[in-house]
């Protein structure tokens, strides 16, 4: 985890499905949901950096 003295807060909305997944993952990993979200976001950013782009679904 990053140094908390240099952390900022970010509020995000998640749908019910992702909320259930995040809750289950937090429980499995023994973390509060906030810490689970922080860990997952940090992991995603470390793996993909600024180069990630959401796939566009054809209409």
Protein backbone atom coordinates (compact mmCIF):
# COMPACT_ATOMS: atom_id res chain seq x y z
CA UNK A 1 0.00 0.00 0.00
CA UNK A 2 1.16 3.52 -0.69
CA UNK A 3 2.21 5.95 2.04
CA UNK A 4 -1.06 7.18 3.59
CA UNK A 5 0.39 10.63 4.28
CA UNK A 6 0.48 11.18 0.51
CA UNK A 7 -2.89 9.58 -0.28
CA UNK A 8 -5.96 11.33 -1.62
CA UNK A 9 -9.59 10.23 -1.62
CA UNK A 10 -11.48 9.37 -4.80
CA UNK A 11 -15.20 8.65 -4.79
CA UNK A 12 -16.56 6.26 -7.41
CA UNK A 13 -19.94 4.72 -8.10
CA UNK A 14 -20.09 0.98 -8.77
CA UNK A 15 -23.01 -1.09 -9.93
CA UNK A 16 -24.56 -3.78 -7.73
CA UNK A 17 -22.70 -6.61 -9.43
CA UNK A 18 -19.27 -5.00 -8.95
CA UNK A 19 -20.18 -4.03 -5.39
CA UNK A 20 -20.92 -7.69 -4.60
CA UNK A 21 -17.63 -8.77 -6.21
CA UNK A 22 -15.69 -6.13 -4.28
CA UNK A 23 -17.37 -7.09 -1.00
CA UNK A 24 -16.64 -10.80 -1.55
CA UNK A 25 -13.04 -10.08 -2.53
CA UNK A 26 -12.50 -7.87 0.52
CA UNK A 27 -13.87 -10.58 2.79
CA UNK A 28 -11.73 -13.28 1.16
CA UNK A 29 -8.60 -11.13 1.50
CA UNK A 30 -9.35 -9.99 5.05
CA UNK A 31 -9.51 -6.31 4.13
CA UNK A 32 -12.10 -3.57 4.49
CA UNK A 33 -13.87 -2.85 1.21
CA UNK A 34 -12.12 0.54 0.99
CA UNK A 35 -8.70 -1.12 1.31
CA UNK A 36 -9.68 -3.80 -1.22
CA UNK A 37 -10.69 -1.13 -3.74
CA UNK A 38 -7.44 0.74 -3.07
CA UNK A 39 -5.36 -2.40 -3.61
CA UNK A 40 -7.19 -3.35 -6.78
CA UNK A 41 -6.95 0.13 -8.28
CA UNK A 42 -3.24 0.31 -7.44
CA UNK A 43 -2.67 -3.12 -9.02
CA UNK A 44 -4.56 -2.18 -12.18
CA UNK A 45 -2.64 1.09 -12.55
CA UNK A 46 0.70 -0.65 -11.93
CA UNK A 47 -0.08 -3.33 -14.52
CA UNK A 48 -1.64 -1.14 -17.22
CA UNK A 49 -0.34 2.34 -16.44
CA UNK A 50 -1.81 5.18 -18.45
CA UNK A 51 -2.06 3.06 -21.62
CA UNK A 52 -5.27 1.23 -20.76
CA UNK A 53 -8.41 2.08 -22.72
CA UNK A 54 -11.86 0.60 -22.27
CA UNK A 55 -12.91 -1.58 -25.19
CA UNK A 56 -15.59 -0.01 -27.33
CA UNK A 57 -18.49 -2.35 -27.98
CA UNK A 58 -19.78 -2.17 -31.56
CA UNK A 59 -23.39 -1.06 -31.89
